[in-house]
Structures are given as structure tokens and as C-alpha cells.
Amino acid sequence: MVRLRRVKDHNGLSLRRLAAKTGYSASSWERYLAGRSLPPREAVEAMARLGGDDPTRLLALHEVAAEAWGTAAEHHGPPTGPGSGTDTPRPHGRALRITLIAGSVALVLAVAAAVLLAVRLTDGEGEAAAAPLTSSASTSAPGSPTQSERPRYTCRAERIDGRWYAGNSRTQKAILAEGHAGPEVAEAQCLLREAGLAPGAVDGIFGPHTKRAVKDLQKRSGLVVDGIIGPHTWKALRE
């Protein structure tokens, strides 16, 4: 449910628009997003397509949630008493158990969504993070540099299969925000320049100038203006 709410909010989708685009009523989506009922697989796939996201990940989370809901259903029957046959549990005890199970399901979904988001945010940044950390050893030869230089990026814009590429990265889905660094950021900076915007120096560092240029592009393209580069913003950059 957490991941579905994230897709809805990131793409600016209202409950009425979800109902019109997916065939499920607004009240149904309200229950799904609030975690009061488990959405069907078709609703999850429709949400993914509408938000331009990969349905595979959302369906994987759906399977985890479905299994947890199934476990909750199995434990709703009355337990067997130790001495007098079948003792029916008190209503308030059963409600507490259901509440605890629902909370466990929500926690599992939240952790899974956080892990997936962290993987997407760190995708492709390993090499950029490793290079600046290289330092000269204490036994380096006289006259050798004592500190490695930052990576230098160049913009070599060319159009391939109807999309623009600048020679630093071919990603179309990496999530970038202020504070990130690496070749994906340099690629975005080059493409922002090609679009006539001013991201600052092409240094591979996502700073305030780059964020402002991203917002200008999003505003011009009719996207959600949040200064974060995602699949929709990459599409606008490469068109």
C-alpha cells in the first residue's frame, strides 16, 4: 500500500482519476491505499501502467501482501481450549489480533518499498563513488599528486533511435535528486544544456543550479515540479 501511495502521489493522481483510468471505483482505491482491503492484481498492474512504473516490482509486493492477508484469514477461527472443548475468544481479543496482523502487513510493505527505492537510488553510482576516494599512499614517489582529481565529464550529444544521449550514461529510469553525484547526473546536466536550460557546470554533482534547471524543464513539459529526475523527466530530457 505504501508503494501504491508513492506512485499515486508522485504522478499527481487523484482518486477520481484513478477510478476513471483503471475501472475501479474511487471508494475501492480509498480502501486499497488506506490498507483496509487488498487490491486485486489487475488494479496493481493498472496503477503501474498509469504511473509509468515497472509492474513487476509492484506485483512482487502484492504477492507478499496477499500471503500476509492469507495468514491472517487462517488465524481468524476459534482456538481450542485446554480443558473444556472449544472456547470462543473474546471479541476485543480477536480485534486486537487482527489489528496486530494488519500492522505487520503494513510494516512488511513499507520495508520492501524502502529497499526497492534504495536500490534504484544507488543504481549506477558505485564507480562514481569509488573514484574520488582513491588517495596517494604514504610511499608514493616524490612529485606524485597527493590527491586524485574529480572525474571530468564531457557532453557529446547525439540522437540515437529518436532519443538524445550525451555520452555519460544511457539510463532512462535512475532516480536523481539534490546531493547525488555520478555519470548519470553529468548526463542529465548535458541534456539540460541541450534543452536550453542552465544546470551550472557539468561536474556530475546534483546541486542547486541543476535542481532549478530540472524544475524549469518539468514546468515546461507539464510534469510534477519537484526537482527530482525520474522516468518521466528522463523521457522529457531525451526527447
C-alpha atoms as a PDB file:
ATOM      1  CA  MET A   1       0.000   0.000   0.000  1.00  0.00           C
ATOM      2  CA  VAL A   2       2.906   2.332   0.760  1.00  0.00           C
ATOM      3  CA  ARG A   3       4.371   1.794  -2.726  1.00  0.00           C
ATOM      4  CA  LEU A   4       0.959   2.351  -4.381  1.00  0.00           C
ATOM      5  CA  ARG A   5       0.503   5.612  -2.463  1.00  0.00           C
ATOM      6  CA  ARG A   6       4.015   6.692  -3.526  1.00  0.00           C
ATOM      7  CA  VAL A   7       3.179   6.065  -7.217  1.00  0.00           C
ATOM      8  CA  LYS A   8      -0.135   7.926  -6.855  1.00  0.00           C
ATOM      9  CA  ASP A   9       1.391  10.981  -5.144  1.00  0.00           C
ATOM     10  CA  HIS A  10       4.473  11.147  -7.410  1.00  0.00           C
ATOM     11  CA  ASN A  11       2.298  11.262 -10.526  1.00  0.00           C
ATOM     12  CA  GLY A  12      -0.317  13.632  -9.068  1.00  0.00           C
ATOM     13  CA  LEU A  13      -3.182  11.150  -9.454  1.00  0.00           C
ATOM     14  CA  SER A  14      -6.478  11.812  -7.680  1.00  0.00           C
ATOM     15  CA  LEU A  15      -8.905   9.077  -6.597  1.00  0.00           C
ATOM     16  CA  ARG A  16     -11.381  10.191  -9.278  1.00  0.00           C
ATOM     17  CA  ARG A  17      -8.710   9.993 -11.966  1.00  0.00           C
ATOM     18  CA  LEU A  18      -7.632   6.546 -10.759  1.00  0.00           C
ATOM     19  CA  ALA A  19     -11.255   5.409 -10.960  1.00  0.00           C
ATOM     20  CA  ALA A  20     -11.652   6.789 -14.495  1.00  0.00           C
ATOM     21  CA  LYS A  21      -8.380   5.310 -15.775  1.00  0.00           C
ATOM     22  CA  THR A  22      -8.414   1.865 -14.124  1.00  0.00           C
ATOM     23  CA  GLY A  23     -12.103   0.881 -13.940  1.00  0.00           C
ATOM     24  CA  TYR A  24     -12.039   0.547 -10.124  1.00  0.00           C
ATOM     25  CA  SER A  25     -14.188   2.958  -8.111  1.00  0.00           C
ATOM     26  CA  ALA A  26     -12.775   5.831  -6.089  1.00  0.00           C
ATOM     27  CA  SER A  27     -14.065   4.235  -2.879  1.00  0.00           C
ATOM     28  CA  SER A  28     -12.263   0.995  -3.783  1.00  0.00           C
ATOM     29  CA  TRP A  29      -8.996   2.879  -4.317  1.00  0.00           C
ATOM     30  CA  GLU A  30      -9.513   4.661  -1.000  1.00  0.00           C
ATOM     31  CA  ARG A  31      -9.733   1.268   0.757  1.00  0.00           C
ATOM     32  CA  TYR A  32      -6.726  -0.111  -1.149  1.00  0.00           C
ATOM     33  CA  LEU A  33      -4.485   2.876  -0.410  1.00  0.00           C
ATOM     34  CA  ALA A  34      -5.566   3.015   3.243  1.00  0.00           C
ATOM     35  CA  GLY A  35      -4.698  -0.679   3.697  1.00  0.00           C
ATOM     36  CA  ARG A  36      -8.255  -1.712   4.641  1.00  0.00           C
ATOM     37  CA  SER A  37      -8.507  -4.222   1.807  1.00  0.00           C
ATOM     38  CA  LEU A  38      -6.090  -5.974  -0.555  1.00  0.00           C
ATOM     39  CA  PRO A  39      -6.236  -4.675  -4.160  1.00  0.00           C
ATOM     40  CA  PRO A  40      -6.514  -7.270  -6.960  1.00  0.00           C
ATOM     41  CA  ARG A  41      -3.503  -7.902  -9.219  1.00  0.00           C
ATOM     42  CA  GLU A  42      -5.281  -6.176 -12.119  1.00  0.00           C
ATOM     43  CA  ALA A  43      -5.608  -2.973 -10.082  1.00  0.00           C
ATOM     44  CA  VAL A  44      -1.887  -3.080  -9.208  1.00  0.00           C
ATOM     45  CA  GLU A  45      -0.945  -3.557 -12.872  1.00  0.00           C
ATOM     46  CA  ALA A  46      -3.255  -0.709 -13.911  1.00  0.00           C
ATOM     47  CA  MET A  47      -1.659   1.599 -11.341  1.00  0.00           C
ATOM     48  CA  ALA A  48       1.835   0.686 -12.584  1.00  0.00           C
ATOM     49  CA  ARG A  49       0.942   1.347 -16.225  1.00  0.00           C
ATOM     50  CA  LEU A  50      -0.751   4.629 -15.361  1.00  0.00           C
ATOM     51  CA  GLY A  51       2.278   5.819 -13.384  1.00  0.00           C
ATOM     52  CA  GLY A  52       4.793   4.623 -15.998  1.00  0.00           C
ATOM     53  CA  ASP A  53       6.382   2.290 -13.423  1.00  0.00           C
ATOM     54  CA  ASP A  54       7.593  -1.310 -13.706  1.00  0.00           C
ATOM     55  CA  PRO A  55       4.628  -3.559 -12.732  1.00  0.00           C
ATOM     56  CA  THR A  56       6.963  -6.438 -11.787  1.00  0.00           C
ATOM     57  CA  ARG A  57       8.086  -4.787  -8.555  1.00  0.00           C
ATOM     58  CA  LEU A  58       4.590  -3.749  -7.517  1.00  0.00           C
ATOM     59  CA  LEU A  59       3.276  -7.259  -8.218  1.00  0.00           C
ATOM     60  CA  ALA A  60       6.083  -8.738  -6.099  1.00  0.00           C
ATOM     61  CA  LEU A  61       4.965  -6.545  -3.187  1.00  0.00           C
ATOM     62  CA  HIS A  62       1.382  -7.571  -3.899  1.00  0.00           C
ATOM     63  CA  GLU A  63       2.325 -11.251  -3.501  1.00  0.00           C
ATOM     64  CA  VAL A  64       3.914 -10.521  -0.114  1.00  0.00           C
ATOM     65  CA  ALA A  65       0.788  -8.672   0.982  1.00  0.00           C
ATOM     66  CA  ALA A  66      -1.519 -11.423  -0.328  1.00  0.00           C
ATOM     67  CA  GLU A  67       0.398 -14.069   1.617  1.00  0.00           C
ATOM     68  CA  ALA A  68       0.208 -11.994   4.787  1.00  0.00           C
ATOM     69  CA  TRP A  69      -3.554 -11.442   4.351  1.00  0.00           C
ATOM     70  CA  GLY A  70      -3.983 -15.187   3.791  1.00  0.00           C
ATOM     71  CA  THR A  71      -2.119 -15.914   7.037  1.00  0.00           C
ATOM     72  CA  ALA A  72      -4.417 -13.511   8.865  1.00  0.00           C
ATOM     73  CA  ALA A  73      -7.501 -15.293   7.488  1.00  0.00           C
ATOM     74  CA  GLU A  74      -6.222 -18.697   8.688  1.00  0.00           C
ATOM     75  CA  HIS A  75      -5.956 -17.424  12.252  1.00  0.00           C
ATOM     76  CA  HIS A  76      -9.466 -15.991  12.452  1.00  0.00           C
ATOM     77  CA  GLY A  77     -11.019 -19.350  13.530  1.00  0.00           C
ATOM     78  CA  PRO A  78     -11.729 -20.035  17.228  1.00  0.00           C
ATOM     79  CA  PRO A  79      -8.850 -21.703  19.144  1.00  0.00           C
ATOM     80  CA  THR A  80      -9.224 -24.954  21.120  1.00  0.00           C
ATOM     81  CA  GLY A  81      -9.409 -24.529  24.877  1.00  0.00           C
ATOM     82  CA  PRO A  82      -7.059 -26.552  27.103  1.00  0.00           C
ATOM     83  CA  GLY A  83      -9.720 -28.144  29.244  1.00  0.00           C
ATOM     84  CA  SER A  84     -13.288 -27.686  28.088  1.00  0.00           C
ATOM     85  CA  GLY A  85     -13.505 -28.219  24.333  1.00  0.00           C
ATOM     86  CA  THR A  86     -13.815 -25.157  22.141  1.00  0.00           C
ATOM     87  CA  ASP A  87     -13.592 -21.794  23.903  1.00  0.00           C
ATOM     88  CA  THR A  88     -14.622 -18.827  21.753  1.00  0.00           C
ATOM     89  CA  PRO A  89     -12.158 -15.894  22.097  1.00  0.00           C
ATOM     90  CA  ARG A  90     -13.475 -12.626  23.404  1.00  0.00           C
ATOM     91  CA  PRO A  91     -14.368 -10.043  20.724  1.00  0.00           C
ATOM     92  CA  HIS A  92     -11.835  -7.498  21.924  1.00  0.00           C
ATOM     93  CA  GLY A  93      -9.010 -10.113  21.847  1.00  0.00           C
ATOM     94  CA  ARG A  94      -9.844 -11.069  18.266  1.00  0.00           C
ATOM     95  CA  ALA A  95      -9.932  -7.416  17.190  1.00  0.00           C
ATOM     96  CA  LEU A  96      -6.520  -6.868  18.780  1.00  0.00           C
ATOM     97  CA  ARG A  97      -5.060  -9.859  16.908  1.00  0.00           C
ATOM     98  CA  ILE A  98      -6.455  -8.592  13.587  1.00  0.00           C
ATOM     99  CA  THR A  99      -5.002  -5.139  14.276  1.00  0.00           C
ATOM    100  CA  LEU A 100      -1.563  -6.621  15.015  1.00  0.00           C
ATOM    101  CA  ILE A 101      -1.624  -8.702  11.820  1.00  0.00           C
ATOM    102  CA  ALA A 102      -2.656  -5.687   9.719  1.00  0.00           C
ATOM    103  CA  GLY A 103       0.167  -3.673  11.269  1.00  0.00           C
ATOM    104  CA  SER A 104       2.644  -6.436  10.418  1.00  0.00           C
ATOM    105  CA  VAL A 105       1.477  -6.429   6.784  1.00  0.00           C
ATOM    106  CA  ALA A 106       1.910  -2.658   6.560  1.00  0.00           C
ATOM    107  CA  LEU A 107       5.406  -2.921   8.067  1.00  0.00           C
ATOM    108  CA  VAL A 108       6.462  -5.614   5.563  1.00  0.00           C
ATOM    109  CA  LEU A 109       5.236  -3.491   2.638  1.00  0.00           C
ATOM    110  CA  ALA A 110       6.951  -0.364   3.958  1.00  0.00           C
ATOM    111  CA  VAL A 111      10.311  -2.154   4.395  1.00  0.00           C
ATOM    112  CA  ALA A 112      10.085  -3.753   0.944  1.00  0.00           C
ATOM    113  CA  ALA A 113       9.273  -0.392  -0.684  1.00  0.00           C
ATOM    114  CA  ALA A 114      12.181   1.282   1.113  1.00  0.00           C
ATOM    115  CA  VAL A 115      14.601  -1.434  -0.060  1.00  0.00           C
ATOM    116  CA  LEU A 116      13.455  -1.122  -3.687  1.00  0.00           C
ATOM    117  CA  LEU A 117      13.737   2.665  -3.583  1.00  0.00           C
ATOM    118  CA  ALA A 118      17.248   2.487  -2.099  1.00  0.00           C
ATOM    119  CA  VAL A 119      18.337   0.075  -4.849  1.00  0.00           C
ATOM    120  CA  ARG A 120      17.033   2.417  -7.554  1.00  0.00           C
ATOM    121  CA  LEU A 121      18.659   5.490  -5.965  1.00  0.00           C
ATOM    122  CA  THR A 122      22.088   3.828  -5.723  1.00  0.00           C
ATOM    123  CA  ASP A 123      21.951   2.099  -9.120  1.00  0.00           C
ATOM    124  CA  GLY A 124      24.936   3.016 -11.260  1.00  0.00           C
ATOM    125  CA  GLU A 125      26.686   5.195  -8.668  1.00  0.00           C
ATOM    126  CA  GLY A 126      29.293   2.634  -7.498  1.00  0.00           C
ATOM    127  CA  GLU A 127      32.039   3.695  -9.898  1.00  0.00           C
ATOM    128  CA  ALA A 128      31.480   7.412  -9.270  1.00  0.00           C
ATOM    129  CA  ALA A 129      31.640   6.861  -5.514  1.00  0.00           C
ATOM    130  CA  ALA A 130      34.822   4.762  -5.704  1.00  0.00           C
ATOM    131  CA  ALA A 131      36.914   7.069  -7.882  1.00  0.00           C
ATOM    132  CA  PRO A 132      37.088  10.158  -5.609  1.00  0.00           C
ATOM    133  CA  LEU A 133      38.053   8.005  -2.625  1.00  0.00           C
ATOM    134  CA  THR A 134      41.387   6.992  -4.158  1.00  0.00           C
ATOM    135  CA  SER A 135      44.267   8.688  -2.343  1.00  0.00           C
ATOM    136  CA  SER A 136      48.035   8.558  -2.686  1.00  0.00           C
ATOM    137  CA  ALA A 137      49.859   6.135  -0.406  1.00  0.00           C
ATOM    138  CA  SER A 138      52.454   7.291   2.080  1.00  0.00           C
ATOM    139  CA  THR A 139      55.171   5.596  -0.017  1.00  0.00           C
ATOM    140  CA  SER A 140      54.330   7.445  -3.254  1.00  0.00           C
ATOM    141  CA  ALA A 141      57.213   8.682  -5.345  1.00  0.00           C
ATOM    142  CA  PRO A 142      58.432  12.301  -4.940  1.00  0.00           C
ATOM    143  CA  GLY A 143      56.462  14.732  -7.084  1.00  0.00           C
ATOM    144  CA  SER A 144      53.419  12.462  -7.473  1.00  0.00           C
ATOM    145  CA  PRO A 145      49.966  14.017  -6.766  1.00  0.00           C
ATOM    146  CA  THR A 146      48.759  13.661  -3.202  1.00  0.00           C
ATOM    147  CA  GLN A 147      45.056  13.608  -4.083  1.00  0.00           C
ATOM    148  CA  SER A 148      43.124  12.207  -7.020  1.00  0.00           C
ATOM    149  CA  GLU A 149      41.174  14.611  -9.167  1.00  0.00           C
ATOM    150  CA  ARG A 150      37.426  14.636  -9.617  1.00  0.00           C
ATOM    151  CA  PRO A 151      36.109  12.809 -12.711  1.00  0.00           C
ATOM    152  CA  ARG A 152      35.842  15.049 -15.746  1.00  0.00           C
ATOM    153  CA  TYR A 153      32.750  14.793 -17.909  1.00  0.00           C
ATOM    154  CA  THR A 154      32.161  15.959 -21.452  1.00  0.00           C
ATOM    155  CA  CYS A 155      28.976  16.423 -23.458  1.00  0.00           C
ATOM    156  CA  ARG A 156      28.847  14.579 -26.780  1.00  0.00           C
ATOM    157  CA  ALA A 157      25.185  14.911 -27.706  1.00  0.00           C
ATOM    158  CA  GLU A 158      23.874  12.587 -30.417  1.00  0.00           C
ATOM    159  CA  ARG A 159      20.436  11.301 -31.342  1.00  0.00           C
ATOM    160  CA  ILE A 160      20.013   7.505 -31.322  1.00  0.00           C
ATOM    161  CA  ASP A 161      16.694   5.801 -32.104  1.00  0.00           C
ATOM    162  CA  GLY A 162      14.835   9.070 -31.598  1.00  0.00           C
ATOM    163  CA  ARG A 163      16.405   9.849 -28.199  1.00  0.00           C
ATOM    164  CA  TRP A 164      19.207  12.213 -27.154  1.00  0.00           C
ATOM    165  CA  TYR A 165      22.312  10.860 -25.413  1.00  0.00           C
ATOM    166  CA  ALA A 166      25.329  12.842 -24.166  1.00  0.00           C
ATOM    167  CA  GLY A 167      27.863  10.022 -23.772  1.00  0.00           C
ATOM    168  CA  ASN A 168      27.913   9.737 -19.963  1.00  0.00           C
ATOM    169  CA  SER A 169      25.034   7.345 -19.240  1.00  0.00           C
ATOM    170  CA  ARG A 170      22.221   5.646 -21.153  1.00  0.00           C
ATOM    171  CA  THR A 171      19.894   5.334 -18.179  1.00  0.00           C
ATOM    172  CA  GLN A 172      16.224   6.175 -18.522  1.00  0.00           C
ATOM    173  CA  LYS A 173      14.995   5.207 -15.032  1.00  0.00           C
ATOM    174  CA  ALA A 174      17.648   6.257 -12.466  1.00  0.00           C
ATOM    175  CA  ILE A 175      16.182   8.441  -9.679  1.00  0.00           C
ATOM    176  CA  LEU A 176      18.347  11.526  -9.078  1.00  0.00           C
ATOM    177  CA  ALA A 177      17.905  14.320  -6.536  1.00  0.00           C
ATOM    178  CA  GLU A 178      19.930  17.133  -4.983  1.00  0.00           C
ATOM    179  CA  GLY A 179      23.079  15.754  -3.325  1.00  0.00           C
ATOM    180  CA  HIS A 180      23.592  12.862  -5.769  1.00  0.00           C
ATOM    181  CA  ALA A 181      26.732  12.592  -7.883  1.00  0.00           C
ATOM    182  CA  GLY A 182      27.983  10.459 -10.737  1.00  0.00           C
ATOM    183  CA  PRO A 183      27.814   9.980 -14.514  1.00  0.00           C
ATOM    184  CA  GLU A 184      24.001   9.905 -14.503  1.00  0.00           C
ATOM    185  CA  VAL A 185      23.984  13.439 -13.051  1.00  0.00           C
ATOM    186  CA  ALA A 186      26.501  14.573 -15.696  1.00  0.00           C
ATOM    187  CA  GLU A 187      24.296  13.042 -18.408  1.00  0.00           C
ATOM    188  CA  ALA A 188      21.283  14.985 -17.106  1.00  0.00           C
ATOM    189  CA  GLN A 189      23.313  18.210 -16.927  1.00  0.00           C
ATOM    190  CA  CYS A 190      24.406  17.818 -20.569  1.00  0.00           C
ATOM    191  CA  LEU A 191      20.840  17.157 -21.710  1.00  0.00           C
ATOM    192  CA  LEU A 192      19.569  20.155 -19.727  1.00  0.00           C
ATOM    193  CA  ARG A 193      22.084  22.313 -21.602  1.00  0.00           C
ATOM    194  CA  GLU A 194      20.885  20.858 -24.898  1.00  0.00           C
ATOM    195  CA  ALA A 195      17.351  21.839 -23.866  1.00  0.00           C
ATOM    196  CA  GLY A 196      18.456  25.466 -23.463  1.00  0.00           C
ATOM    197  CA  LEU A 197      18.476  25.429 -19.664  1.00  0.00           C
ATOM    198  CA  ALA A 198      21.307  26.312 -17.247  1.00  0.00           C
ATOM    199  CA  PRO A 199      22.280  23.487 -14.841  1.00  0.00           C
ATOM    200  CA  GLY A 200      25.653  25.064 -13.976  1.00  0.00           C
ATOM    201  CA  ALA A 201      28.953  23.275 -14.572  1.00  0.00           C
ATOM    202  CA  VAL A 202      28.836  19.733 -15.983  1.00  0.00           C
ATOM    203  CA  ASP A 203      30.600  18.245 -12.956  1.00  0.00           C
ATOM    204  CA  GLY A 204      28.360  15.268 -12.154  1.00  0.00           C
ATOM    205  CA  ILE A 205      27.159  16.867  -8.898  1.00  0.00           C
ATOM    206  CA  PHE A 206      23.429  17.493  -8.408  1.00  0.00           C
ATOM    207  CA  GLY A 207      23.457  20.955  -6.829  1.00  0.00           C
ATOM    208  CA  PRO A 208      21.023  23.896  -6.563  1.00  0.00           C
ATOM    209  CA  HIS A 209      21.647  25.094 -10.141  1.00  0.00           C
ATOM    210  CA  THR A 210      20.899  21.642 -11.544  1.00  0.00           C
ATOM    211  CA  LYS A 211      17.766  21.330  -9.393  1.00  0.00           C
ATOM    212  CA  ARG A 212      16.499  24.702 -10.622  1.00  0.00           C
ATOM    213  CA  ALA A 213      17.094  23.689 -14.264  1.00  0.00           C
ATOM    214  CA  VAL A 214      15.244  20.388 -13.669  1.00  0.00           C
ATOM    215  CA  LYS A 215      12.243  22.275 -12.248  1.00  0.00           C
ATOM    216  CA  ASP A 216      12.225  24.579 -15.285  1.00  0.00           C
ATOM    217  CA  LEU A 217      12.192  21.542 -17.589  1.00  0.00           C
ATOM    218  CA  GLN A 218       9.390  19.865 -15.604  1.00  0.00           C
ATOM    219  CA  LYS A 219       7.316  23.036 -15.681  1.00  0.00           C
ATOM    220  CA  ARG A 220       7.846  23.400 -19.430  1.00  0.00           C
ATOM    221  CA  SER A 221       6.931  19.725 -20.045  1.00  0.00           C
ATOM    222  CA  GLY A 222       3.790  19.741 -17.853  1.00  0.00           C
ATOM    223  CA  LEU A 223       5.287  17.331 -15.282  1.00  0.00           C
ATOM    224  CA  VAL A 224       5.166  17.368 -11.476  1.00  0.00           C
ATOM    225  CA  VAL A 225       7.592  20.151 -10.485  1.00  0.00           C
ATOM    226  CA  ASP A 226       9.622  18.561  -7.672  1.00  0.00           C
ATOM    227  CA  GLY A 227      13.234  18.929  -8.893  1.00  0.00           C
ATOM    228  CA  ILE A 228      13.708  15.129  -8.871  1.00  0.00           C
ATOM    229  CA  ILE A 229      14.724  13.291 -12.042  1.00  0.00           C
ATOM    230  CA  GLY A 230      12.704  10.113 -12.564  1.00  0.00           C
ATOM    231  CA  PRO A 231      11.484   8.118 -15.610  1.00  0.00           C
ATOM    232  CA  HIS A 232       9.115  10.890 -16.799  1.00  0.00           C
ATOM    233  CA  THR A 233      11.770  13.604 -16.533  1.00  0.00           C
ATOM    234  CA  TRP A 234      14.331  11.366 -18.306  1.00  0.00           C
ATOM    235  CA  LYS A 235      11.845  10.942 -21.132  1.00  0.00           C
ATOM    236  CA  ALA A 236      11.473  14.720 -21.427  1.00  0.00           C
ATOM    237  CA  LEU A 237      15.277  15.144 -21.383  1.00  0.00           C
ATOM    238  CA  ARG A 238      15.882  12.589 -24.129  1.00  0.00           C
ATOM    239  CA  GLU A 239      13.046  13.675 -26.460  1.00  0.00           C
END
